[in-house]
Amino acid sequence: MAVSSGDNRVGDPGVVGEQIGIDDLLEKVREGLDRVGPERAFEEASSGALLVDIRYAALRDRDGLIPGALVVERNELEWRLDPLGSHRAAEAVSHDLRVVVVCNEGYASSLAAESLRRLGLYRATDLIGGFQAWKGAGLPVEG
């Protein structure tokens, strides 16, 4: 069924037929996240939160890794972190798990965290500024 131009809505992300630009979608998604800065992400990881690096291999090779972060390609994220899934990572133990998603600059990670929340990982969020902010804050990096 075609959506008429009169049906343009900016509302809940993912409404079928919704027409929204990426900037508006990103803003809407972020309203539902308690995004964290690099220092807080470091503190949360030290207290048991799972940092998940979704950057592609070329960026990881170029810039290094966050020690202890779980590396999961973006296209596998939901399958690897679904606590009920048959392909879950060993770290995906519960829907209560605090997950901080890390991309390169903090854009794709917001959308990824929102997707994890749709799976019931209600404590999922992302790192403001991504890996570049982490590295810029002088936090540990390997490689």
C-alpha atoms as a PDB file:
ATOM      1  CA  MET A   1       0.000   0.000   0.000  1.00  0.00           C
ATOM      2  CA  ALA A   2       1.430   3.364  -0.997  1.00  0.00           C
ATOM      3  CA  VAL A   3       1.792   6.096   1.581  1.00  0.00           C
ATOM      4  CA  SER A   4       0.322   9.409   0.560  1.00  0.00           C
ATOM      5  CA  SER A   5       2.255  12.604   1.085  1.00  0.00           C
ATOM      6  CA  GLY A   6      -0.315  13.524   3.737  1.00  0.00           C
ATOM      7  CA  ASP A   7       0.865  10.580   5.839  1.00  0.00           C
ATOM      8  CA  ASN A   8       4.317  12.028   6.586  1.00  0.00           C
ATOM      9  CA  ARG A   9       4.806  11.552  10.310  1.00  0.00           C
ATOM     10  CA  VAL A  10       7.663  12.049  12.696  1.00  0.00           C
ATOM     11  CA  GLY A  11       6.857   9.755  15.562  1.00  0.00           C
ATOM     12  CA  ASP A  12       8.072   6.438  16.845  1.00  0.00           C
ATOM     13  CA  PRO A  13      11.023   5.147  14.824  1.00  0.00           C
ATOM     14  CA  GLY A  14      10.028   2.231  12.669  1.00  0.00           C
ATOM     15  CA  VAL A  15       6.368   3.076  12.063  1.00  0.00           C
ATOM     16  CA  VAL A  16       5.450   1.390   8.789  1.00  0.00           C
ATOM     17  CA  GLY A  17       5.060   3.971   6.079  1.00  0.00           C
ATOM     18  CA  GLU A  18       6.745   6.681   8.127  1.00  0.00           C
ATOM     19  CA  GLN A  19       8.813   9.103   6.077  1.00  0.00           C
ATOM     20  CA  ILE A  20      11.652  10.574   8.069  1.00  0.00           C
ATOM     21  CA  GLY A  21      15.177  11.722   7.285  1.00  0.00           C
ATOM     22  CA  ILE A  22      18.167  10.129   8.993  1.00  0.00           C
ATOM     23  CA  ASP A  23      18.960  13.237  11.041  1.00  0.00           C
ATOM     24  CA  ASP A  24      15.420  13.330  12.446  1.00  0.00           C
ATOM     25  CA  LEU A  25      15.457   9.581  13.055  1.00  0.00           C
ATOM     26  CA  LEU A  26      18.781   9.830  14.879  1.00  0.00           C
ATOM     27  CA  GLU A  27      17.469  12.661  17.053  1.00  0.00           C
ATOM     28  CA  LYS A  28      14.310  10.688  17.874  1.00  0.00           C
ATOM     29  CA  VAL A  29      16.260   7.524  18.709  1.00  0.00           C
ATOM     30  CA  ARG A  30      18.651   9.422  20.968  1.00  0.00           C
ATOM     31  CA  GLU A  31      15.741  10.829  22.992  1.00  0.00           C
ATOM     32  CA  GLY A  32      15.218   7.301  24.309  1.00  0.00           C
ATOM     33  CA  LEU A  33      18.861   6.596  25.155  1.00  0.00           C
ATOM     34  CA  ASP A  34      20.882   7.586  28.199  1.00  0.00           C
ATOM     35  CA  ARG A  35      24.024   8.075  26.130  1.00  0.00           C
ATOM     36  CA  VAL A  36      27.357   8.069  27.937  1.00  0.00           C
ATOM     37  CA  GLY A  37      30.618   9.911  27.446  1.00  0.00           C
ATOM     38  CA  PRO A  38      34.005   8.191  27.348  1.00  0.00           C
ATOM     39  CA  GLU A  39      34.849   8.530  31.039  1.00  0.00           C
ATOM     40  CA  ARG A  40      31.466   7.209  32.140  1.00  0.00           C
ATOM     41  CA  ALA A  41      31.701   4.333  29.651  1.00  0.00           C
ATOM     42  CA  PHE A  42      35.098   3.447  31.127  1.00  0.00           C
ATOM     43  CA  GLU A  43      33.639   3.525  34.654  1.00  0.00           C
ATOM     44  CA  GLU A  44      30.646   1.436  33.642  1.00  0.00           C
ATOM     45  CA  ALA A  45      32.862  -1.129  31.911  1.00  0.00           C
ATOM     46  CA  SER A  46      34.946  -1.340  35.086  1.00  0.00           C
ATOM     47  CA  SER A  47      31.695  -2.081  36.951  1.00  0.00           C
ATOM     48  CA  GLY A  48      30.525  -4.839  34.611  1.00  0.00           C
ATOM     49  CA  ALA A  49      28.945  -3.131  31.613  1.00  0.00           C
ATOM     50  CA  LEU A  50      29.699  -4.714  28.259  1.00  0.00           C
ATOM     51  CA  LEU A  51      31.365  -2.456  25.706  1.00  0.00           C
ATOM     52  CA  VAL A  52      30.545  -3.651  22.189  1.00  0.00           C
ATOM     53  CA  ASP A  53      32.696  -2.385  19.312  1.00  0.00           C
ATOM     54  CA  ILE A  54      30.748  -2.460  16.035  1.00  0.00           C
ATOM     55  CA  ARG A  55      33.387  -0.694  13.906  1.00  0.00           C
ATOM     56  CA  TYR A  56      34.436  -2.485  10.770  1.00  0.00           C
ATOM     57  CA  ALA A  57      37.788  -4.268  10.611  1.00  0.00           C
ATOM     58  CA  ALA A  58      39.651  -1.556   8.684  1.00  0.00           C
ATOM     59  CA  LEU A  59      38.930   1.009  11.410  1.00  0.00           C
ATOM     60  CA  ARG A  60      39.890  -1.406  14.176  1.00  0.00           C
ATOM     61  CA  ASP A  61      43.125  -2.211  12.356  1.00  0.00           C
ATOM     62  CA  ARG A  62      43.878   1.466  11.798  1.00  0.00           C
ATOM     63  CA  ASP A  63      42.953   2.871  15.218  1.00  0.00           C
ATOM     64  CA  GLY A  64      43.173  -0.031  17.650  1.00  0.00           C
ATOM     65  CA  LEU A  65      40.777  -1.651  20.111  1.00  0.00           C
ATOM     66  CA  ILE A  66      39.295  -0.863  23.484  1.00  0.00           C
ATOM     67  CA  PRO A  67      40.718  -3.482  25.862  1.00  0.00           C
ATOM     68  CA  GLY A  68      37.994  -5.872  26.987  1.00  0.00           C
ATOM     69  CA  ALA A  69      35.424  -4.713  24.441  1.00  0.00           C
ATOM     70  CA  LEU A  70      33.480  -7.378  22.589  1.00  0.00           C
ATOM     71  CA  VAL A  71      33.970  -6.957  18.840  1.00  0.00           C
ATOM     72  CA  VAL A  72      30.788  -7.682  16.893  1.00  0.00           C
ATOM     73  CA  GLU A  73      30.272  -6.652  13.289  1.00  0.00           C
ATOM     74  CA  ARG A  74      27.197  -4.425  12.983  1.00  0.00           C
ATOM     75  CA  ASN A  75      25.387  -6.880  10.721  1.00  0.00           C
ATOM     76  CA  GLU A  76      25.654  -9.583  13.432  1.00  0.00           C
ATOM     77  CA  LEU A  77      24.891  -7.438  16.487  1.00  0.00           C
ATOM     78  CA  GLU A  78      21.308  -8.463  17.218  1.00  0.00           C
ATOM     79  CA  TRP A  79      22.065 -12.167  16.721  1.00  0.00           C
ATOM     80  CA  ARG A  80      25.128 -12.073  18.968  1.00  0.00           C
ATOM     81  CA  LEU A  81      23.553 -10.068  21.823  1.00  0.00           C
ATOM     82  CA  ASP A  82      20.081 -11.598  21.954  1.00  0.00           C
ATOM     83  CA  PRO A  83      20.111 -13.525  25.258  1.00  0.00           C
ATOM     84  CA  LEU A  84      17.475 -15.878  23.820  1.00  0.00           C
ATOM     85  CA  GLY A  85      19.249 -16.418  20.507  1.00  0.00           C
ATOM     86  CA  SER A  86      20.996 -19.557  19.385  1.00  0.00           C
ATOM     87  CA  HIS A  87      23.955 -17.522  18.016  1.00  0.00           C
ATOM     88  CA  ARG A  88      24.458 -15.339  21.079  1.00  0.00           C
ATOM     89  CA  ALA A  89      27.881 -14.439  22.403  1.00  0.00           C
ATOM     90  CA  ALA A  90      28.825 -15.911  25.761  1.00  0.00           C
ATOM     91  CA  GLU A  91      28.577 -12.399  27.244  1.00  0.00           C
ATOM     92  CA  ALA A  92      24.889 -12.075  26.247  1.00  0.00           C
ATOM     93  CA  VAL A  93      23.616 -13.516  29.507  1.00  0.00           C
ATOM     94  CA  SER A  94      20.487 -11.480  30.233  1.00  0.00           C
ATOM     95  CA  HIS A  95      18.162  -8.729  29.072  1.00  0.00           C
ATOM     96  CA  ASP A  96      19.350  -6.841  32.182  1.00  0.00           C
ATOM     97  CA  LEU A  97      22.867  -6.561  30.768  1.00  0.00           C
ATOM     98  CA  ARG A  98      24.189  -3.011  30.487  1.00  0.00           C
ATOM     99  CA  VAL A  99      25.515  -2.668  26.936  1.00  0.00           C
ATOM    100  CA  VAL A 100      27.417   0.350  25.624  1.00  0.00           C
ATOM    101  CA  VAL A 101      27.697   0.218  21.841  1.00  0.00           C
ATOM    102  CA  VAL A 102      30.766   1.841  20.286  1.00  0.00           C
ATOM    103  CA  CYS A 103      31.077   2.849  16.643  1.00  0.00           C
ATOM    104  CA  ASN A 104      33.670   5.192  15.164  1.00  0.00           C
ATOM    105  CA  GLU A 105      32.056   8.575  15.891  1.00  0.00           C
ATOM    106  CA  GLY A 106      28.798   7.873  17.748  1.00  0.00           C
ATOM    107  CA  TYR A 107      26.214   7.836  14.971  1.00  0.00           C
ATOM    108  CA  ALA A 108      25.678   4.205  13.940  1.00  0.00           C
ATOM    109  CA  SER A 109      25.973   3.173  17.584  1.00  0.00           C
ATOM    110  CA  SER A 110      22.837   5.142  18.499  1.00  0.00           C
ATOM    111  CA  LEU A 111      20.801   3.263  15.916  1.00  0.00           C
ATOM    112  CA  ALA A 112      22.371  -0.038  17.009  1.00  0.00           C
ATOM    113  CA  ALA A 113      21.580   0.601  20.686  1.00  0.00           C
ATOM    114  CA  GLU A 114      17.965   1.376  19.810  1.00  0.00           C
ATOM    115  CA  SER A 115      17.764  -1.912  17.924  1.00  0.00           C
ATOM    116  CA  LEU A 116      19.082  -3.779  20.973  1.00  0.00           C
ATOM    117  CA  ARG A 117      16.422  -2.099  23.097  1.00  0.00           C
ATOM    118  CA  ARG A 118      13.791  -3.441  20.715  1.00  0.00           C
ATOM    119  CA  LEU A 119      15.156  -6.913  21.532  1.00  0.00           C
ATOM    120  CA  GLY A 120      14.507  -6.230  25.204  1.00  0.00           C
ATOM    121  CA  LEU A 121      18.021  -5.144  26.189  1.00  0.00           C
ATOM    122  CA  TYR A 122      16.484  -2.158  27.920  1.00  0.00           C
ATOM    123  CA  ARG A 123      19.789  -0.922  29.387  1.00  0.00           C
ATOM    124  CA  ALA A 124      21.534  -0.669  25.999  1.00  0.00           C
ATOM    125  CA  THR A 125      22.995   2.705  25.075  1.00  0.00           C
ATOM    126  CA  ASP A 126      25.915   4.105  23.124  1.00  0.00           C
ATOM    127  CA  LEU A 127      29.122   6.071  23.501  1.00  0.00           C
ATOM    128  CA  ILE A 128      28.859   9.758  22.613  1.00  0.00           C
ATOM    129  CA  GLY A 129      31.526  10.477  20.005  1.00  0.00           C
ATOM    130  CA  GLY A 130      32.336   6.788  19.571  1.00  0.00           C
ATOM    131  CA  PHE A 131      35.803   5.323  19.545  1.00  0.00           C
ATOM    132  CA  GLN A 132      37.331   8.631  18.479  1.00  0.00           C
ATOM    133  CA  ALA A 133      36.037  10.295  21.658  1.00  0.00           C
ATOM    134  CA  TRP A 134      37.329   7.360  23.752  1.00  0.00           C
ATOM    135  CA  LYS A 135      40.787   7.661  22.198  1.00  0.00           C
ATOM    136  CA  GLY A 136      40.690  11.464  22.408  1.00  0.00           C
ATOM    137  CA  ALA A 137      39.988  11.222  26.152  1.00  0.00           C
ATOM    138  CA  GLY A 138      43.222   9.286  26.592  1.00  0.00           C
ATOM    139  CA  LEU A 139      41.483   6.083  27.662  1.00  0.00           C
ATOM    140  CA  PRO A 140      43.168   2.707  27.070  1.00  0.00           C
ATOM    141  CA  VAL A 141      43.572   1.505  23.488  1.00  0.00           C
ATOM    142  CA  GLU A 142      45.362  -1.621  22.258  1.00  0.00           C
ATOM    143  CA  GLY A 143      47.139  -1.950  18.943  1.00  0.00           C
END
